[in-house]
N, C-alpha and C. Protein backbone atom coordinates (compact mmCIF):
# COMPACT_ATOMS: atom_id res chain seq x y z
N MET A 1 1.12 -1.01 -0.33
CA MET A 1 0.01 0.27 0.49
C MET A 1 0.85 1.19 0.00
N LEU A 2 1.78 1.19 0.71
CA LEU A 2 2.82 2.57 0.58
C LEU A 2 3.77 2.64 -0.97
N HIS A 3 3.82 1.63 -1.59
CA HIS A 3 4.20 1.64 -2.63
C HIS A 3 3.01 2.37 -3.52
N ALA A 4 2.06 1.77 -3.70
CA ALA A 4 0.74 2.32 -4.37
C ALA A 4 0.36 3.74 -4.15
N ALA A 5 0.94 4.45 -2.78
CA ALA A 5 0.63 5.82 -1.98
C ALA A 5 1.64 6.78 -2.93
N LEU A 6 2.85 6.25 -2.96
CA LEU A 6 3.96 6.95 -3.42
C LEU A 6 3.81 7.29 -5.06
N ALA A 7 3.36 6.21 -5.66
CA ALA A 7 3.47 5.88 -7.25
C ALA A 7 2.42 7.26 -7.97
N THR A 8 1.49 8.04 -6.71
CA THR A 8 0.82 8.77 -6.98
C THR A 8 1.29 10.17 -7.14
N VAL A 9 2.54 10.35 -6.75
CA VAL A 9 3.24 11.65 -6.71
C VAL A 9 3.69 11.90 -7.97
N GLU A 10 3.48 12.67 -8.97
CA GLU A 10 3.65 12.58 -10.51
C GLU A 10 5.40 12.89 -10.49
N ALA A 11 5.42 14.10 -9.61
CA ALA A 11 7.01 14.63 -9.82
C ALA A 11 8.18 13.21 -9.75
N LEU A 12 7.54 11.95 -9.00
CA LEU A 12 8.82 11.03 -8.88
C LEU A 12 9.07 10.47 -10.63
N ASP A 13 9.75 11.15 -11.18
CA ASP A 13 10.16 10.31 -12.72
C ASP A 13 11.07 9.47 -12.70
N GLY A 14 11.47 9.42 -11.23
CA GLY A 14 12.32 8.11 -11.20
C GLY A 14 11.40 6.31 -10.74
N GLY A 15 10.28 7.04 -10.51
CA GLY A 15 9.17 5.88 -9.69
C GLY A 15 9.49 5.55 -8.27
N VAL A 16 9.14 4.56 -8.47
CA VAL A 16 9.39 4.00 -6.48
C VAL A 16 9.73 2.64 -6.54
N THR A 17 10.42 2.31 -5.82
CA THR A 17 11.27 1.13 -5.69
C THR A 17 11.85 0.81 -4.34
N GLU A 18 12.04 -0.57 -4.19
CA GLU A 18 12.44 -0.93 -2.60
C GLU A 18 14.08 -1.76 -2.97
N ASP A 19 14.72 -1.15 -3.91
CA ASP A 19 15.86 -1.68 -4.74
C ASP A 19 16.39 -0.81 -4.82
N PRO A 20 17.96 -0.19 -3.47
CA PRO A 20 18.71 1.04 -3.97
C PRO A 20 19.38 0.85 -5.16
N GLY A 21 20.11 -0.53 -5.48
CA GLY A 21 20.80 -0.49 -6.87
C GLY A 21 20.04 0.07 -7.99
N SER A 22 18.49 0.02 -7.92
CA SER A 22 17.53 0.80 -9.13
C SER A 22 17.53 1.83 -9.06
N VAL A 23 17.90 2.80 -8.57
CA VAL A 23 17.73 4.31 -8.16
C VAL A 23 18.62 4.70 -9.64
N VAL A 24 17.81 5.52 -10.30
CA VAL A 24 18.80 5.93 -11.86
C VAL A 24 18.85 7.10 -11.37
N TRP A 25 20.34 7.03 -11.39
CA TRP A 25 20.76 8.85 -11.52
C TRP A 25 20.45 10.06 -12.10
N GLY A 26 20.06 11.19 -12.56
CA GLY A 26 19.44 12.08 -12.88
C GLY A 26 17.68 11.71 -12.58
N THR A 27 17.15 11.11 -11.83
CA THR A 27 15.80 11.04 -11.64
C THR A 27 15.40 11.28 -10.27
N ALA A 28 14.14 11.55 -9.67
CA ALA A 28 13.45 11.59 -8.65
C ALA A 28 13.08 10.16 -8.29
N THR A 29 13.30 9.48 -7.74
CA THR A 29 12.46 8.38 -6.65
C THR A 29 12.60 8.26 -5.22
N ALA A 30 11.52 7.40 -4.99
CA ALA A 30 11.06 7.47 -3.84
C ALA A 30 11.52 5.87 -3.45
N MET A 31 12.61 5.46 -2.45
CA MET A 31 12.98 4.15 -2.10
C MET A 31 12.58 3.76 -0.49
N ILE A 32 11.98 2.69 -1.20
CA ILE A 32 11.79 2.27 0.53
C ILE A 32 12.31 0.84 1.11
N ALA A 33 13.10 1.37 1.92
CA ALA A 33 13.90 0.57 2.76
C ALA A 33 12.95 -0.86 3.60
N PRO A 34 13.53 -1.57 3.80
CA PRO A 34 12.84 -2.59 4.71
C PRO A 34 12.56 -2.10 6.21
N PRO A 35 11.20 -2.34 6.77
CA PRO A 35 10.71 -1.66 8.10
C PRO A 35 11.68 -2.59 9.07
N SER A 36 11.66 -1.44 10.06
CA SER A 36 11.95 -2.01 11.43
C SER A 36 10.65 -2.29 12.37
N VAL A 37 10.72 -3.41 13.10
CA VAL A 37 9.69 -3.65 13.43
C VAL A 37 9.66 -4.06 15.01
N THR A 38 8.80 -3.95 15.63
CA THR A 38 9.05 -4.01 17.52
C THR A 38 7.81 -5.23 17.81
N TRP A 39 7.87 -5.83 18.85
CA TRP A 39 6.78 -6.60 19.55
C TRP A 39 7.17 -5.98 20.70
N GLY A 40 5.33 -5.90 21.03
CA GLY A 40 4.96 -5.40 22.02
C GLY A 40 5.54 -5.94 23.46
N SER A 41 6.05 -5.89 24.85
CA SER A 41 6.45 -6.52 26.05
C SER A 41 6.24 -7.80 26.41
N PHE A 42 4.68 -7.52 26.56
CA PHE A 42 3.86 -8.77 27.19
C PHE A 42 2.76 -9.49 26.66
N GLY A 43 2.99 -9.53 25.23
CA GLY A 43 1.46 -9.71 24.37
C GLY A 43 2.00 -10.58 23.22
N GLY A 44 2.06 -11.72 23.43
CA GLY A 44 2.05 -12.33 21.94
C GLY A 44 3.28 -12.63 21.44
N SER A 45 3.04 -13.05 20.40
CA SER A 45 4.30 -13.14 19.36
C SER A 45 4.14 -12.39 17.74
N GLU A 46 3.13 -11.74 17.93
CA GLU A 46 2.93 -10.56 16.62
C GLU A 46 3.47 -9.14 16.83
N PRO A 47 4.08 -8.67 15.77
CA PRO A 47 4.41 -7.55 16.16
C PRO A 47 3.18 -6.46 15.97
N THR A 48 3.56 -5.61 17.03
CA THR A 48 2.75 -4.32 17.04
C THR A 48 3.03 -3.05 16.46
N GLU A 49 4.34 -2.62 15.97
CA GLU A 49 4.94 -1.51 15.05
C GLU A 49 5.69 -1.93 14.26
N ALA A 50 5.62 -0.66 12.99
CA ALA A 50 7.03 -1.07 11.98
C ALA A 50 6.93 0.58 12.17
N SER A 51 8.56 0.74 11.55
CA SER A 51 8.57 1.84 11.10
C SER A 51 9.70 1.58 9.92
N VAL A 52 8.91 2.43 8.65
CA VAL A 52 9.75 2.26 7.51
C VAL A 52 10.43 3.36 6.88
N ILE A 53 11.56 3.24 6.55
CA ILE A 53 12.24 4.61 6.37
C ILE A 53 12.11 4.94 4.75
N VAL A 54 11.43 6.01 4.10
CA VAL A 54 11.12 6.13 2.52
C VAL A 54 12.27 7.70 2.45
N HIS A 55 13.43 6.93 0.93
CA HIS A 55 14.14 7.89 0.91
C HIS A 55 13.62 8.51 -0.35
N LEU A 56 13.62 9.58 -0.41
CA LEU A 56 13.22 10.58 -1.67
C LEU A 56 14.94 11.14 -2.18
N VAL A 57 14.80 10.16 -3.38
CA VAL A 57 16.43 10.79 -3.74
C VAL A 57 16.37 11.54 -4.70
N VAL A 58 17.32 12.26 -4.95
CA VAL A 58 16.97 13.42 -6.12
C VAL A 58 18.68 13.20 -6.59
N PRO A 59 18.99 14.07 -8.03
CA PRO A 59 19.96 14.18 -8.98
C PRO A 59 20.67 14.96 -7.66
N PHE A 60 22.31 14.92 -8.01
CA PHE A 60 23.43 15.48 -7.09
C PHE A 60 23.86 16.68 -7.99
N ASP A 61 23.11 18.28 -8.07
CA ASP A 61 23.57 18.87 -8.56
C ASP A 61 22.92 20.36 -8.07
N GLU A 62 23.35 21.35 -8.74
CA GLU A 62 23.07 22.63 -7.99
C GLU A 62 21.43 22.92 -7.44
N TYR A 63 20.58 22.35 -8.45
CA TYR A 63 19.25 21.83 -7.84
C TYR A 63 18.86 21.02 -6.47
N ALA A 64 19.56 20.24 -6.36
CA ALA A 64 19.22 19.13 -5.18
C ALA A 64 18.36 19.59 -4.15
N THR A 65 18.77 20.80 -3.58
CA THR A 65 18.25 21.27 -2.32
C THR A 65 16.83 21.65 -2.89
N GLY A 66 16.55 22.56 -3.78
CA GLY A 66 15.16 22.86 -4.11
C GLY A 66 14.32 21.40 -4.68
N ARG A 67 15.08 20.81 -4.77
CA ARG A 67 13.89 19.46 -5.37
C ARG A 67 13.49 19.26 -4.41
N LEU A 68 14.36 18.60 -3.24
CA LEU A 68 14.02 17.83 -1.92
C LEU A 68 12.85 18.85 -1.35
N TYR A 69 13.18 19.95 -1.11
CA TYR A 69 11.80 20.84 -0.47
C TYR A 69 10.73 20.71 -1.56
N ASP A 70 10.60 21.02 -2.81
CA ASP A 70 9.36 20.94 -3.72
C ASP A 70 8.89 19.56 -3.60
N LEU A 71 9.84 18.29 -3.37
CA LEU A 71 9.37 16.91 -3.18
C LEU A 71 8.80 16.28 -2.02
N VAL A 72 9.04 17.01 -0.79
CA VAL A 72 8.85 16.45 0.13
C VAL A 72 7.35 16.32 0.57
N GLU A 73 7.02 17.95 0.48
CA GLU A 73 5.53 17.81 1.49
C GLU A 73 4.60 16.90 0.08
N PRO A 74 4.56 17.10 -1.15
CA PRO A 74 3.63 15.84 -1.96
C PRO A 74 3.62 14.72 -1.70
N MET A 75 4.94 14.12 -0.95
CA MET A 75 5.40 13.11 -0.42
C MET A 75 4.66 12.40 0.58
N VAL A 76 4.86 13.41 1.63
CA VAL A 76 4.07 13.74 3.18
C VAL A 76 2.68 13.44 2.96
N ALA A 77 2.30 13.84 1.80
CA ALA A 77 0.93 14.08 1.70
C ALA A 77 0.06 12.65 1.13
N ALA A 78 0.89 12.53 -0.05
CA ALA A 78 0.39 11.06 -0.44
C ALA A 78 0.36 10.25 0.41
N ILE A 79 1.80 10.05 0.96
CA ILE A 79 1.49 9.02 2.27
C ILE A 79 0.36 8.72 3.32
N GLU A 80 0.57 10.35 4.00
CA GLU A 80 -0.45 10.13 4.88
C GLU A 80 -1.97 9.89 4.57
N GLY A 81 -1.95 10.02 3.46
CA GLY A 81 -3.36 10.14 2.27
C GLY A 81 -4.19 8.77 2.52
N ASN A 82 -3.10 7.46 3.02
CA ASN A 82 -3.77 6.30 3.47
C ASN A 82 -3.74 6.78 5.24
N SER A 83 -4.85 6.39 5.94
CA SER A 83 -5.04 5.91 7.71
C SER A 83 -3.93 5.03 7.72
N LEU A 84 -3.48 4.42 7.52
CA LEU A 84 -2.81 2.88 7.63
C LEU A 84 -1.06 3.86 8.28
N PHE A 85 -1.21 4.84 7.88
CA PHE A 85 0.48 4.97 7.88
C PHE A 85 0.83 6.99 8.15
N THR A 86 1.81 7.29 9.30
CA THR A 86 1.67 8.33 9.75
C THR A 86 3.22 8.92 9.38
N VAL A 87 3.57 9.52 9.05
CA VAL A 87 4.78 10.48 8.90
C VAL A 87 5.18 11.08 10.13
N SER A 88 6.55 10.49 10.66
CA SER A 88 7.09 11.25 12.36
C SER A 88 8.34 12.01 11.86
N SER A 89 8.91 12.09 10.96
CA SER A 89 10.12 12.93 10.52
C SER A 89 10.55 12.77 8.99
N ALA A 90 10.99 13.92 8.49
CA ALA A 90 11.98 13.81 7.57
C ALA A 90 13.56 14.24 7.87
N SER A 91 14.21 13.67 6.91
CA SER A 91 15.75 14.19 7.73
C SER A 91 16.24 14.46 6.40
N PRO A 92 17.25 15.40 6.02
CA PRO A 92 18.16 15.47 4.82
C PRO A 92 19.27 14.68 5.14
N GLY A 93 19.83 13.99 4.00
CA GLY A 93 21.06 13.67 4.18
C GLY A 93 21.58 12.60 2.93
N LEU A 94 22.34 11.68 3.07
CA LEU A 94 23.11 11.36 1.49
C LEU A 94 22.48 9.73 1.89
N LEU A 95 22.41 9.35 0.61
CA LEU A 95 22.20 8.12 0.54
C LEU A 95 23.18 7.34 -0.46
N GLN A 96 23.75 6.02 -0.02
CA GLN A 96 25.04 5.58 -0.59
C GLN A 96 24.46 4.41 -1.48
N THR A 97 24.17 4.57 -2.66
CA THR A 97 23.62 3.69 -4.11
C THR A 97 24.11 3.20 -4.29
N GLY A 98 25.33 2.28 -4.11
CA GLY A 98 26.19 1.70 -4.91
C GLY A 98 27.40 1.93 -5.38
N GLY A 99 28.54 1.29 -5.39
CA GLY A 99 29.99 1.62 -5.25
C GLY A 99 30.53 3.30 -4.40
N ASN A 100 30.93 3.89 -5.31
CA ASN A 100 30.92 5.30 -4.39
C ASN A 100 30.10 6.15 -4.89
N THR A 101 28.68 6.13 -5.11
CA THR A 101 27.84 7.33 -5.25
C THR A 101 26.48 7.25 -4.34
N GLN A 102 26.66 8.58 -3.58
CA GLN A 102 26.27 9.18 -2.97
C GLN A 102 25.09 10.31 -3.39
N LEU A 103 23.54 10.18 -3.13
CA LEU A 103 22.93 10.70 -3.31
C LEU A 103 22.12 11.95 -2.48
N PRO A 104 21.45 13.03 -2.63
CA PRO A 104 20.69 13.55 -1.69
C PRO A 104 19.43 13.06 -1.35
N THR A 105 19.10 12.78 -0.36
CA THR A 105 17.68 12.42 0.16
C THR A 105 17.05 12.87 1.68
N TYR A 106 15.60 13.03 1.91
CA TYR A 106 15.03 13.46 2.76
C TYR A 106 14.69 11.92 2.85
N ALA A 107 15.00 11.33 4.43
CA ALA A 107 14.75 9.90 4.59
C ALA A 107 13.46 10.55 5.63
N ILE A 108 12.34 10.19 4.91
CA ILE A 108 10.86 10.17 5.91
C ILE A 108 10.90 8.95 6.35
N THR A 109 10.50 8.90 7.38
CA THR A 109 10.28 8.20 8.48
C THR A 109 8.80 7.64 8.47
N VAL A 110 7.88 6.78 8.38
CA VAL A 110 6.56 6.26 8.24
C VAL A 110 6.63 5.00 9.42
N ASP A 111 5.32 5.77 10.25
CA ASP A 111 5.19 4.28 11.07
C ASP A 111 3.72 4.26 11.05
N VAL A 112 3.92 2.60 11.23
CA VAL A 112 2.63 1.75 10.75
C VAL A 112 2.33 1.17 11.83
N GLY A 113 0.96 1.05 12.70
CA GLY A 113 0.48 0.48 13.10
C GLY A 113 0.15 -1.22 13.06
N LEU A 114 0.31 -2.28 13.27
CA LEU A 114 0.32 -3.04 12.93
C LEU A 114 -1.13 -3.70 13.77
C-alpha cells in the first residue's frame, strides 16, 4: 500500500522502488527501505508496530536542495492520504546507492500500526 501511495506523486520521474541499486541517476525516486519492526513487551508473538524509511532521492546537482524541498510535501501528503501511515519525521542526508555514489535524500520516517 505504501508503494501505491507513493506512485501517485507525479514528480517522481524515477518512480518507486525497494532496491537501492535500481535508483537511476538523474531522476527523482522514492526508495522504500525494509521496515524496523517492534514487538510489544507482554503480549503474544505478533509485531505491534513498524517504521519504514522512505528515501526521497534526487540528482546531485545545484538544484538538489530545491528539488528536495519541492517534493517532500507532496510525498508526505501522499503517504498520509492512507490512514494506515503516519509520517513522524523527514531528515536530509545522503543515500549510498552503490559503489561510491551518494545522492541527496530526505529520509522520511513512516510509522505503521500493525
